[in-house]
Amino acid sequence: VSAPLTWDELADAEPGDFDIRTMPERFA
């Protein structure tokens, strides 16, 4: 998924960490 991030998170984020199954938990 296209994942909104903070600028601090962008520093070490990996696109593969955000998908249809992980994003709902993050959002909650």
mmCIF file of all heavy atoms, coordinates in Angstrom:
data_MODEL
# 
_entry.id   MODEL 
# 
loop_
_atom_site.group_PDB 
_atom_site.id 
_atom_site.type_symbol 
_atom_site.label_atom_id 
_atom_site.label_alt_id 
_atom_site.label_comp_id 
_atom_site.label_asym_id 
_atom_site.label_entity_id 
_atom_site.label_seq_id 
_atom_site.pdbx_PDB_ins_code 
_atom_site.Cartn_x 
_atom_site.Cartn_y 
_atom_site.Cartn_z 
_atom_site.occupancy 
_atom_site.B_iso_or_equiv 
_atom_site.pdbx_formal_charge 
_atom_site.auth_seq_id 
_atom_site.auth_comp_id 
_atom_site.auth_asym_id 
_atom_site.auth_atom_id 
_atom_site.pdbx_PDB_model_num 
ATOM 1   N N   . VAL A 1 1  ? 0.840  -1.190  0.000  1.00 0.00 ? 1  VAL A N   1 
ATOM 2   C CA  . VAL A 1 1  ? 0.000  0.000   0.000  1.00 0.00 ? 1  VAL A CA  1 
ATOM 3   C C   . VAL A 1 1  ? 0.879  1.244   0.000  1.00 0.00 ? 1  VAL A C   1 
ATOM 4   O O   . VAL A 1 1  ? 2.045  1.214   0.404  1.00 0.00 ? 1  VAL A O   1 
ATOM 5   C CB  . VAL A 1 1  ? -0.961 0.025   1.211  1.00 0.00 ? 1  VAL A CB  1 
ATOM 6   C CG1 . VAL A 1 1  ? -1.793 -1.251  1.246  1.00 0.00 ? 1  VAL A CG1 1 
ATOM 7   C CG2 . VAL A 1 1  ? -0.209 0.212   2.521  1.00 0.00 ? 1  VAL A CG2 1 
ATOM 8   N N   . SER A 1 2  ? 0.295  2.336   -0.460 1.00 0.00 ? 2  SER A N   1 
ATOM 9   C CA  . SER A 1 2  ? 0.968  3.630   -0.422 1.00 0.00 ? 2  SER A CA  1 
ATOM 10  C C   . SER A 1 2  ? 0.832  4.179   0.998  1.00 0.00 ? 2  SER A C   1 
ATOM 11  O O   . SER A 1 2  ? -0.252 4.592   1.402  1.00 0.00 ? 2  SER A O   1 
ATOM 12  C CB  . SER A 1 2  ? 0.341  4.581   -1.448 1.00 0.00 ? 2  SER A CB  1 
ATOM 13  O OG  . SER A 1 2  ? 1.002  5.819   -1.467 1.00 0.00 ? 2  SER A OG  1 
ATOM 14  N N   . ALA A 1 3  ? 1.933  4.174   1.727  1.00 0.00 ? 3  ALA A N   1 
ATOM 15  C CA  . ALA A 1 3  ? 1.890  4.377   3.174  1.00 0.00 ? 3  ALA A CA  1 
ATOM 16  C C   . ALA A 1 3  ? 2.311  5.778   3.585  1.00 0.00 ? 3  ALA A C   1 
ATOM 17  O O   . ALA A 1 3  ? 3.478  6.168   3.401  1.00 0.00 ? 3  ALA A O   1 
ATOM 18  C CB  . ALA A 1 3  ? 2.801  3.358   3.865  1.00 0.00 ? 3  ALA A CB  1 
ATOM 19  N N   . PRO A 1 4  ? 1.414  6.564   4.170  1.00 0.00 ? 4  PRO A N   1 
ATOM 20  C CA  . PRO A 1 4  ? 1.804  7.848   4.751  1.00 0.00 ? 4  PRO A CA  1 
ATOM 21  C C   . PRO A 1 4  ? 2.798  7.636   5.894  1.00 0.00 ? 4  PRO A C   1 
ATOM 22  O O   . PRO A 1 4  ? 2.632  6.734   6.721  1.00 0.00 ? 4  PRO A O   1 
ATOM 23  C CB  . PRO A 1 4  ? 0.479  8.418   5.278  1.00 0.00 ? 4  PRO A CB  1 
ATOM 24  C CG  . PRO A 1 4  ? -0.564 7.767   4.426  1.00 0.00 ? 4  PRO A CG  1 
ATOM 25  C CD  . PRO A 1 4  ? -0.050 6.371   4.207  1.00 0.00 ? 4  PRO A CD  1 
ATOM 26  N N   . LEU A 1 5  ? 3.834  8.471   5.922  1.00 0.00 ? 5  LEU A N   1 
ATOM 27  C CA  . LEU A 1 5  ? 4.880  8.371   6.939  1.00 0.00 ? 5  LEU A CA  1 
ATOM 28  C C   . LEU A 1 5  ? 5.151  9.738   7.539  1.00 0.00 ? 5  LEU A C   1 
ATOM 29  O O   . LEU A 1 5  ? 4.824  10.771  6.944  1.00 0.00 ? 5  LEU A O   1 
ATOM 30  C CB  . LEU A 1 5  ? 6.189  7.846   6.315  1.00 0.00 ? 5  LEU A CB  1 
ATOM 31  C CG  . LEU A 1 5  ? 6.154  6.489   5.623  1.00 0.00 ? 5  LEU A CG  1 
ATOM 32  C CD1 . LEU A 1 5  ? 7.489  6.244   4.918  1.00 0.00 ? 5  LEU A CD1 1 
ATOM 33  C CD2 . LEU A 1 5  ? 5.863  5.377   6.606  1.00 0.00 ? 5  LEU A CD2 1 
ATOM 34  N N   . THR A 1 6  ? 5.768  9.751   8.694  1.00 0.00 ? 6  THR A N   1 
ATOM 35  C CA  . THR A 1 6  ? 6.383  10.975  9.188  1.00 0.00 ? 6  THR A CA  1 
ATOM 36  C C   . THR A 1 6  ? 7.767  11.061  8.552  1.00 0.00 ? 6  THR A C   1 
ATOM 37  O O   . THR A 1 6  ? 8.320  10.067  8.064  1.00 0.00 ? 6  THR A O   1 
ATOM 38  C CB  . THR A 1 6  ? 6.522  10.962  10.713 1.00 0.00 ? 6  THR A CB  1 
ATOM 39  O OG1 . THR A 1 6  ? 7.462  9.935   11.083 1.00 0.00 ? 6  THR A OG1 1 
ATOM 40  C CG2 . THR A 1 6  ? 5.182  10.691  11.390 1.00 0.00 ? 6  THR A CG2 1 
ATOM 41  N N   . TRP A 1 7  ? 8.344  12.263  8.583  1.00 0.00 ? 7  TRP A N   1 
ATOM 42  C CA  . TRP A 1 7  ? 9.693  12.396  8.031  1.00 0.00 ? 7  TRP A CA  1 
ATOM 43  C C   . TRP A 1 7  ? 10.698 11.590  8.847  1.00 0.00 ? 7  TRP A C   1 
ATOM 44  O O   . TRP A 1 7  ? 11.658 11.030  8.285  1.00 0.00 ? 7  TRP A O   1 
ATOM 45  C CB  . TRP A 1 7  ? 10.088 13.868  7.974  1.00 0.00 ? 7  TRP A CB  1 
ATOM 46  C CG  . TRP A 1 7  ? 9.425  14.575  6.830  1.00 0.00 ? 7  TRP A CG  1 
ATOM 47  C CD1 . TRP A 1 7  ? 8.312  15.361  6.871  1.00 0.00 ? 7  TRP A CD1 1 
ATOM 48  C CD2 . TRP A 1 7  ? 9.824  14.539  5.456  1.00 0.00 ? 7  TRP A CD2 1 
ATOM 49  N NE1 . TRP A 1 7  ? 7.991  15.811  5.612  1.00 0.00 ? 7  TRP A NE1 1 
ATOM 50  C CE2 . TRP A 1 7  ? 8.907  15.336  4.726  1.00 0.00 ? 7  TRP A CE2 1 
ATOM 51  C CE3 . TRP A 1 7  ? 10.873 13.927  4.774  1.00 0.00 ? 7  TRP A CE3 1 
ATOM 52  C CZ2 . TRP A 1 7  ? 9.012  15.522  3.347  1.00 0.00 ? 7  TRP A CZ2 1 
ATOM 53  C CZ3 . TRP A 1 7  ? 10.989 14.119  3.400  1.00 0.00 ? 7  TRP A CZ3 1 
ATOM 54  C CH2 . TRP A 1 7  ? 10.067 14.901  2.703  1.00 0.00 ? 7  TRP A CH2 1 
ATOM 55  N N   . ASP A 1 8  ? 10.504 11.494  10.135 1.00 0.00 ? 8  ASP A N   1 
ATOM 56  C CA  . ASP A 1 8  ? 11.404 10.670  10.954 1.00 0.00 ? 8  ASP A CA  1 
ATOM 57  C C   . ASP A 1 8  ? 11.308 9.204   10.539 1.00 0.00 ? 8  ASP A C   1 
ATOM 58  O O   . ASP A 1 8  ? 12.330 8.501   10.468 1.00 0.00 ? 8  ASP A O   1 
ATOM 59  C CB  . ASP A 1 8  ? 11.051 10.813  12.433 1.00 0.00 ? 8  ASP A CB  1 
ATOM 60  C CG  . ASP A 1 8  ? 11.480 12.151  13.009 1.00 0.00 ? 8  ASP A CG  1 
ATOM 61  O OD1 . ASP A 1 8  ? 12.303 12.845  12.374 1.00 0.00 ? 8  ASP A OD1 1 
ATOM 62  O OD2 . ASP A 1 8  ? 10.981 12.511  14.095 1.00 0.00 ? 8  ASP A OD2 1 
ATOM 63  N N   . GLU A 1 9  ? 10.108 8.729   10.258 1.00 0.00 ? 9  GLU A N   1 
ATOM 64  C CA  . GLU A 1 9  ? 9.945  7.338   9.849  1.00 0.00 ? 9  GLU A CA  1 
ATOM 65  C C   . GLU A 1 9  ? 10.588 7.050   8.503  1.00 0.00 ? 9  GLU A C   1 
ATOM 66  O O   . GLU A 1 9  ? 11.087 5.944   8.260  1.00 0.00 ? 9  GLU A O   1 
ATOM 67  C CB  . GLU A 1 9  ? 8.453  6.982   9.782  1.00 0.00 ? 9  GLU A CB  1 
ATOM 68  C CG  . GLU A 1 9  ? 7.773  6.855   11.133 1.00 0.00 ? 9  GLU A CG  1 
ATOM 69  C CD  . GLU A 1 9  ? 6.285  6.569   10.982 1.00 0.00 ? 9  GLU A CD  1 
ATOM 70  O OE1 . GLU A 1 9  ? 5.630  7.191   10.115 1.00 0.00 ? 9  GLU A OE1 1 
ATOM 71  O OE2 . GLU A 1 9  ? 5.777  5.717   11.739 1.00 0.00 ? 9  GLU A OE2 1 
ATOM 72  N N   . LEU A 1 10 ? 10.563 8.036   7.612  1.00 0.00 ? 10 LEU A N   1 
ATOM 73  C CA  . LEU A 1 10 ? 11.128 7.824   6.281  1.00 0.00 ? 10 LEU A CA  1 
ATOM 74  C C   . LEU A 1 10 ? 12.600 7.444   6.345  1.00 0.00 ? 10 LEU A C   1 
ATOM 75  O O   . LEU A 1 10 ? 13.105 6.716   5.474  1.00 0.00 ? 10 LEU A O   1 
ATOM 76  C CB  . LEU A 1 10 ? 10.954 9.083   5.425  1.00 0.00 ? 10 LEU A CB  1 
ATOM 77  C CG  . LEU A 1 10 ? 11.529 9.023   4.005  1.00 0.00 ? 10 LEU A CG  1 
ATOM 78  C CD1 . LEU A 1 10 ? 10.801 7.969   3.168  1.00 0.00 ? 10 LEU A CD1 1 
ATOM 79  C CD2 . LEU A 1 10 ? 11.459 10.383  3.325  1.00 0.00 ? 10 LEU A CD2 1 
ATOM 80  N N   . ALA A 1 11 ? 13.296 7.892   7.376  1.00 0.00 ? 11 ALA A N   1 
ATOM 81  C CA  . ALA A 1 11 ? 14.737 7.673   7.474  1.00 0.00 ? 11 ALA A CA  1 
ATOM 82  C C   . ALA A 1 11 ? 15.118 6.196   7.399  1.00 0.00 ? 11 ALA A C   1 
ATOM 83  O O   . ALA A 1 11 ? 16.177 5.858   6.861  1.00 0.00 ? 11 ALA A O   1 
ATOM 84  C CB  . ALA A 1 11 ? 15.274 8.294   8.764  1.00 0.00 ? 11 ALA A CB  1 
ATOM 85  N N   . ASP A 1 12 ? 14.284 5.319   7.925  1.00 0.00 ? 12 ASP A N   1 
ATOM 86  C CA  . ASP A 1 12 ? 14.620 3.894   7.871  1.00 0.00 ? 12 ASP A CA  1 
ATOM 87  C C   . ASP A 1 12 ? 13.449 3.015   7.434  1.00 0.00 ? 12 ASP A C   1 
ATOM 88  O O   . ASP A 1 12 ? 13.448 1.805   7.663  1.00 0.00 ? 12 ASP A O   1 
ATOM 89  C CB  . ASP A 1 12 ? 15.162 3.407   9.216  1.00 0.00 ? 12 ASP A CB  1 
ATOM 90  C CG  . ASP A 1 12 ? 14.186 3.627   10.362 1.00 0.00 ? 12 ASP A CG  1 
ATOM 91  O OD1 . ASP A 1 12 ? 13.043 4.059   10.104 1.00 0.00 ? 12 ASP A OD1 1 
ATOM 92  O OD2 . ASP A 1 12 ? 14.566 3.360   11.516 1.00 0.00 ? 12 ASP A OD2 1 
ATOM 93  N N   . ALA A 1 13 ? 12.464 3.608   6.784  1.00 0.00 ? 13 ALA A N   1 
ATOM 94  C CA  . ALA A 1 13 ? 11.296 2.837   6.337  1.00 0.00 ? 13 ALA A CA  1 
ATOM 95  C C   . ALA A 1 13 ? 11.650 1.961   5.135  1.00 0.00 ? 13 ALA A C   1 
ATOM 96  O O   . ALA A 1 13 ? 12.539 2.284   4.346  1.00 0.00 ? 13 ALA A O   1 
ATOM 97  C CB  . ALA A 1 13 ? 10.156 3.788   5.950  1.00 0.00 ? 13 ALA A CB  1 
ATOM 98  N N   . GLU A 1 14 ? 10.941 0.866   5.004  1.00 0.00 ? 14 GLU A N   1 
ATOM 99  C CA  . GLU A 1 14 ? 11.046 -0.007  3.838  1.00 0.00 ? 14 GLU A CA  1 
ATOM 100 C C   . GLU A 1 14 ? 9.642  -0.208  3.279  1.00 0.00 ? 14 GLU A C   1 
ATOM 101 O O   . GLU A 1 14 ? 8.720  -0.582  4.024  1.00 0.00 ? 14 GLU A O   1 
ATOM 102 C CB  . GLU A 1 14 ? 11.668 -1.351  4.210  1.00 0.00 ? 14 GLU A CB  1 
ATOM 103 C CG  . GLU A 1 14 ? 13.125 -1.271  4.624  1.00 0.00 ? 14 GLU A CG  1 
ATOM 104 C CD  . GLU A 1 14 ? 14.035 -0.740  3.521  1.00 0.00 ? 14 GLU A CD  1 
ATOM 105 O OE1 . GLU A 1 14 ? 13.690 -0.936  2.333  1.00 0.00 ? 14 GLU A OE1 1 
ATOM 106 O OE2 . GLU A 1 14 ? 15.070 -0.136  3.847  1.00 0.00 ? 14 GLU A OE2 1 
ATOM 107 N N   . PRO A 1 15 ? 9.432  0.020   1.990  1.00 0.00 ? 15 PRO A N   1 
ATOM 108 C CA  . PRO A 1 15 ? 8.081  -0.072  1.411  1.00 0.00 ? 15 PRO A CA  1 
ATOM 109 C C   . PRO A 1 15 ? 7.402  -1.407  1.647  1.00 0.00 ? 15 PRO A C   1 
ATOM 110 O O   . PRO A 1 15 ? 6.184  -1.476  1.819  1.00 0.00 ? 15 PRO A O   1 
ATOM 111 C CB  . PRO A 1 15 ? 8.323  0.166   -0.081 1.00 0.00 ? 15 PRO A CB  1 
ATOM 112 C CG  . PRO A 1 15 ? 9.617  0.881   -0.158 1.00 0.00 ? 15 PRO A CG  1 
ATOM 113 C CD  . PRO A 1 15 ? 10.432 0.402   0.997  1.00 0.00 ? 15 PRO A CD  1 
ATOM 114 N N   . GLY A 1 16 ? 8.178  -2.474  1.673  1.00 0.00 ? 16 GLY A N   1 
ATOM 115 C CA  . GLY A 1 16 ? 7.609  -3.800  1.857  1.00 0.00 ? 16 GLY A CA  1 
ATOM 116 C C   . GLY A 1 16 ? 6.980  -4.030  3.219  1.00 0.00 ? 16 GLY A C   1 
ATOM 117 O O   . GLY A 1 16 ? 6.266  -5.012  3.424  1.00 0.00 ? 16 GLY A O   1 
ATOM 118 N N   . ASP A 1 17 ? 7.234  -3.123  4.158  1.00 0.00 ? 17 ASP A N   1 
ATOM 119 C CA  . ASP A 1 17 ? 6.667  -3.272  5.497  1.00 0.00 ? 17 ASP A CA  1 
ATOM 120 C C   . ASP A 1 17 ? 5.192  -2.884  5.560  1.00 0.00 ? 17 ASP A C   1 
ATOM 121 O O   . ASP A 1 17 ? 4.520  -3.148  6.555  1.00 0.00 ? 17 ASP A O   1 
ATOM 122 C CB  . ASP A 1 17 ? 7.439  -2.410  6.504  1.00 0.00 ? 17 ASP A CB  1 
ATOM 123 C CG  . ASP A 1 17 ? 8.861  -2.892  6.714  1.00 0.00 ? 17 ASP A CG  1 
ATOM 124 O OD1 . ASP A 1 17 ? 9.133  -4.070  6.412  1.00 0.00 ? 17 ASP A OD1 1 
ATOM 125 O OD2 . ASP A 1 17 ? 9.703  -2.092  7.161  1.00 0.00 ? 17 ASP A OD2 1 
ATOM 126 N N   . PHE A 1 18 ? 4.696  -2.256  4.520  1.00 0.00 ? 18 PHE A N   1 
ATOM 127 C CA  . PHE A 1 18 ? 3.336  -1.719  4.546  1.00 0.00 ? 18 PHE A CA  1 
ATOM 128 C C   . PHE A 1 18 ? 2.483  -2.400  3.481  1.00 0.00 ? 18 PHE A C   1 
ATOM 129 O O   . PHE A 1 18 ? 2.692  -2.204  2.283  1.00 0.00 ? 18 PHE A O   1 
ATOM 130 C CB  . PHE A 1 18 ? 3.375  -0.205  4.316  1.00 0.00 ? 18 PHE A CB  1 
ATOM 131 C CG  . PHE A 1 18 ? 4.354  0.508   5.210  1.00 0.00 ? 18 PHE A CG  1 
ATOM 132 C CD1 . PHE A 1 18 ? 5.576  0.937   4.714  1.00 0.00 ? 18 PHE A CD1 1 
ATOM 133 C CD2 . PHE A 1 18 ? 4.066  0.727   6.545  1.00 0.00 ? 18 PHE A CD2 1 
ATOM 134 C CE1 . PHE A 1 18 ? 6.484  1.586   5.526  1.00 0.00 ? 18 PHE A CE1 1 
ATOM 135 C CE2 . PHE A 1 18 ? 4.963  1.367   7.379  1.00 0.00 ? 18 PHE A CE2 1 
ATOM 136 C CZ  . PHE A 1 18 ? 6.177  1.799   6.868  1.00 0.00 ? 18 PHE A CZ  1 
ATOM 137 N N   . ASP A 1 19 ? 1.533  -3.199  3.938  1.00 0.00 ? 19 ASP A N   1 
ATOM 138 C CA  . ASP A 1 19 ? 0.684  -3.901  2.987  1.00 0.00 ? 19 ASP A CA  1 
ATOM 139 C C   . ASP A 1 19 ? -0.740 -4.010  3.525  1.00 0.00 ? 19 ASP A C   1 
ATOM 140 O O   . ASP A 1 19 ? -1.064 -3.474  4.591  1.00 0.00 ? 19 ASP A O   1 
ATOM 141 C CB  . ASP A 1 19 ? 1.261  -5.281  2.626  1.00 0.00 ? 19 ASP A CB  1 
ATOM 142 C CG  . ASP A 1 19 ? 1.420  -6.210  3.830  1.00 0.00 ? 19 ASP A CG  1 
ATOM 143 O OD1 . ASP A 1 19 ? 0.529  -6.204  4.714  1.00 0.00 ? 19 ASP A OD1 1 
ATOM 144 O OD2 . ASP A 1 19 ? 2.420  -6.955  3.897  1.00 0.00 ? 19 ASP A OD2 1 
ATOM 145 N N   . ILE A 1 20 ? -1.569 -4.701  2.779  1.00 0.00 ? 20 ILE A N   1 
ATOM 146 C CA  . ILE A 1 20 ? -2.992 -4.780  3.091  1.00 0.00 ? 20 ILE A CA  1 
ATOM 147 C C   . ILE A 1 20 ? -3.264 -5.414  4.451  1.00 0.00 ? 20 ILE A C   1 
ATOM 148 O O   . ILE A 1 20 ? -4.315 -5.180  5.060  1.00 0.00 ? 20 ILE A O   1 
ATOM 149 C CB  . ILE A 1 20 ? -3.709 -5.562  1.958  1.00 0.00 ? 20 ILE A CB  1 
ATOM 150 C CG1 . ILE A 1 20 ? -5.218 -5.332  1.993  1.00 0.00 ? 20 ILE A CG1 1 
ATOM 151 C CG2 . ILE A 1 20 ? -3.361 -7.033  2.004  1.00 0.00 ? 20 ILE A CG2 1 
ATOM 152 C CD1 . ILE A 1 20 ? -5.936 -5.940  0.801  1.00 0.00 ? 20 ILE A CD1 1 
ATOM 153 N N   . ARG A 1 21 ? -2.299 -6.179  4.971  1.00 0.00 ? 21 ARG A N   1 
ATOM 154 C CA  . ARG A 1 21 ? -2.488 -6.854  6.248  1.00 0.00 ? 21 ARG A CA  1 
ATOM 155 C C   . ARG A 1 21 ? -1.757 -6.168  7.404  1.00 0.00 ? 21 ARG A C   1 
ATOM 156 O O   . ARG A 1 21 ? -2.170 -6.301  8.558  1.00 0.00 ? 21 ARG A O   1 
ATOM 157 C CB  . ARG A 1 21 ? -2.054 -8.316  6.127  1.00 0.00 ? 21 ARG A CB  1 
ATOM 158 C CG  . ARG A 1 21 ? -3.047 -9.131  5.277  1.00 0.00 ? 21 ARG A CG  1 
ATOM 159 C CD  . ARG A 1 21 ? -2.617 -10.556 5.062  1.00 0.00 ? 21 ARG A CD  1 
ATOM 160 N NE  . ARG A 1 21 ? -3.667 -11.318 4.369  1.00 0.00 ? 21 ARG A NE  1 
ATOM 161 C CZ  . ARG A 1 21 ? -3.490 -12.477 3.757  1.00 0.00 ? 21 ARG A CZ  1 
ATOM 162 N NH1 . ARG A 1 21 ? -2.270 -13.030 3.738  1.00 0.00 ? 21 ARG A NH1 1 
ATOM 163 N NH2 . ARG A 1 21 ? -4.491 -13.090 3.166  1.00 0.00 ? 21 ARG A NH2 1 
ATOM 164 N N   . THR A 1 22 ? -0.684 -5.457  7.139  1.00 0.00 ? 22 THR A N   1 
ATOM 165 C CA  . THR A 1 22 ? 0.032  -4.782  8.223  1.00 0.00 ? 22 THR A CA  1 
ATOM 166 C C   . THR A 1 22 ? -0.475 -3.370  8.479  1.00 0.00 ? 22 THR A C   1 
ATOM 167 O O   . THR A 1 22 ? -0.406 -2.881  9.612  1.00 0.00 ? 22 THR A O   1 
ATOM 168 C CB  . THR A 1 22 ? 1.541  -4.721  7.927  1.00 0.00 ? 22 THR A CB  1 
ATOM 169 O OG1 . THR A 1 22 ? 1.762  -3.953  6.725  1.00 0.00 ? 22 THR A OG1 1 
ATOM 170 C CG2 . THR A 1 22 ? 2.120  -6.114  7.746  1.00 0.00 ? 22 THR A CG2 1 
ATOM 171 N N   . MET A 1 23 ? -0.975 -2.706  7.451  1.00 0.00 ? 23 MET A N   1 
ATOM 172 C CA  . MET A 1 23 ? -1.394 -1.318  7.622  1.00 0.00 ? 23 MET A CA  1 
ATOM 173 C C   . MET A 1 23 ? -2.574 -1.141  8.582  1.00 0.00 ? 23 MET A C   1 
ATOM 174 O O   . MET A 1 23 ? -2.585 -0.182  9.378  1.00 0.00 ? 23 MET A O   1 
ATOM 175 C CB  . MET A 1 23 ? -1.709 -0.685  6.268  1.00 0.00 ? 23 MET A CB  1 
ATOM 176 C CG  . MET A 1 23 ? -2.121 0.787   6.346  1.00 0.00 ? 23 MET A CG  1 
ATOM 177 S SD  . MET A 1 23 ? -0.916 1.859   7.174  1.00 0.00 ? 23 MET A SD  1 
ATOM 178 C CE  . MET A 1 23 ? 0.242  2.135   5.815  1.00 0.00 ? 23 MET A CE  1 
ATOM 179 N N   . PRO A 1 24 ? -3.595 -2.024  8.571  1.00 0.00 ? 24 PRO A N   1 
ATOM 180 C CA  . PRO A 1 24 ? -4.695 -1.833  9.525  1.00 0.00 ? 24 PRO A CA  1 
ATOM 181 C C   . PRO A 1 24 ? -4.233 -1.806  10.978 1.00 0.00 ? 24 PRO A C   1 
ATOM 182 O O   . PRO A 1 24 ? -4.723 -0.990  11.778 1.00 0.00 ? 24 PRO A O   1 
ATOM 183 C CB  . PRO A 1 24 ? -5.621 -3.019  9.238  1.00 0.00 ? 24 PRO A CB  1 
ATOM 184 C CG  . PRO A 1 24 ? -5.398 -3.319  7.798  1.00 0.00 ? 24 PRO A CG  1 
ATOM 185 C CD  . PRO A 1 24 ? -3.911 -3.097  7.596  1.00 0.00 ? 24 PRO A CD  1 
ATOM 186 N N   . GLU A 1 25 ? -3.299 -2.670  11.346 1.00 0.00 ? 25 GLU A N   1 
ATOM 187 C CA  . GLU A 1 25 ? -2.800 -2.671  12.728 1.00 0.00 ? 25 GLU A CA  1 
ATOM 188 C C   . GLU A 1 25 ? -2.033 -1.385  13.017 1.00 0.00 ? 25 GLU A C   1 
ATOM 189 O O   . GLU A 1 25 ? -2.205 -0.774  14.080 1.00 0.00 ? 25 GLU A O   1 
ATOM 190 C CB  . GLU A 1 25 ? -1.892 -3.874  12.963 1.00 0.00 ? 25 GLU A CB  1 
ATOM 191 C CG  . GLU A 1 25 ? -1.362 -3.952  14.391 1.00 0.00 ? 25 GLU A CG  1 
ATOM 192 C CD  . GLU A 1 25 ? -0.482 -5.160  14.645 1.00 0.00 ? 25 GLU A CD  1 
ATOM 193 O OE1 . GLU A 1 25 ? -0.259 -5.948  13.694 1.00 0.00 ? 25 GLU A OE1 1 
ATOM 194 O OE2 . GLU A 1 25 ? -0.024 -5.318  15.794 1.00 0.00 ? 25 GLU A OE2 1 
ATOM 195 N N   . ARG A 1 26 ? -1.199 -0.962  12.071 1.00 0.00 ? 26 ARG A N   1 
ATOM 196 C CA  . ARG A 1 26 ? -0.475 0.308   12.250 1.00 0.00 ? 26 ARG A CA  1 
ATOM 197 C C   . ARG A 1 26 ? -1.459 1.462   12.418 1.00 0.00 ? 26 ARG A C   1 
ATOM 198 O O   . ARG A 1 26 ? -1.294 2.295   13.308 1.00 0.00 ? 26 ARG A O   1 
ATOM 199 C CB  . ARG A 1 26 ? 0.433  0.556   11.040 1.00 0.00 ? 26 ARG A CB  1 
ATOM 200 C CG  . ARG A 1 26 ? 0.999  1.975   10.973 1.00 0.00 ? 26 ARG A CG  1 
ATOM 201 C CD  . ARG A 1 26 ? 1.839  2.177   9.702  1.00 0.00 ? 26 ARG A CD  1 
ATOM 202 N NE  . ARG A 1 26 ? 2.070  3.583   9.411  1.00 0.00 ? 26 ARG A NE  1 
ATOM 203 C CZ  . ARG A 1 26 ? 3.034  4.326   9.938  1.00 0.00 ? 26 ARG A CZ  1 
ATOM 204 N NH1 . ARG A 1 26 ? 3.864  3.791   10.826 1.00 0.00 ? 26 ARG A NH1 1 
ATOM 205 N NH2 . ARG A 1 26 ? 3.179  5.593   9.604  1.00 0.00 ? 26 ARG A NH2 1 
ATOM 206 N N   . PHE A 1 27 ? -2.489 1.474   11.584 1.00 0.00 ? 27 PHE A N   1 
ATOM 207 C CA  . PHE A 1 27 ? -3.452 2.565   11.627 1.00 0.00 ? 27 PHE A CA  1 
ATOM 208 C C   . PHE A 1 27 ? -4.200 2.573   12.962 1.00 0.00 ? 27 PHE A C   1 
ATOM 209 O O   . PHE A 1 27 ? -4.472 3.636   13.528 1.00 0.00 ? 27 PHE A O   1 
ATOM 210 C CB  . PHE A 1 27 ? -4.444 2.444   10.472 1.00 0.00 ? 27 PHE A CB  1 
ATOM 211 C CG  . PHE A 1 27 ? -5.271 3.680   10.242 1.00 0.00 ? 27 PHE A CG  1 
ATOM 212 C CD1 . PHE A 1 27 ? -4.809 4.692   9.433  1.00 0.00 ? 27 PHE A CD1 1 
ATOM 213 C CD2 . PHE A 1 27 ? -6.499 3.840   10.857 1.00 0.00 ? 27 PHE A CD2 1 
ATOM 214 C CE1 . PHE A 1 27 ? -5.554 5.848   9.230  1.00 0.00 ? 27 PHE A CE1 1 
ATOM 215 C CE2 . PHE A 1 27 ? -7.258 4.978   10.663 1.00 0.00 ? 27 PHE A CE2 1 
ATOM 216 C CZ  . PHE A 1 27 ? -6.782 5.994   9.844  1.00 0.00 ? 27 PHE A CZ  1 
ATOM 217 N N   . ALA A 1 28 ? -4.518 1.393   13.476 1.00 0.00 ? 28 ALA A N   1 
ATOM 218 C CA  . ALA A 1 28 ? -5.224 1.302   14.758 1.00 0.00 ? 28 ALA A CA  1 
ATOM 219 C C   . ALA A 1 28 ? -4.368 1.833   15.901 1.00 0.00 ? 28 ALA A C   1 
ATOM 220 O O   . ALA A 1 28 ? -4.892 2.375   16.888 1.00 0.00 ? 28 ALA A O   1 
ATOM 221 C CB  . ALA A 1 28 ? -5.622 -0.147  15.028 1.00 0.00 ? 28 ALA A CB  1 
# 
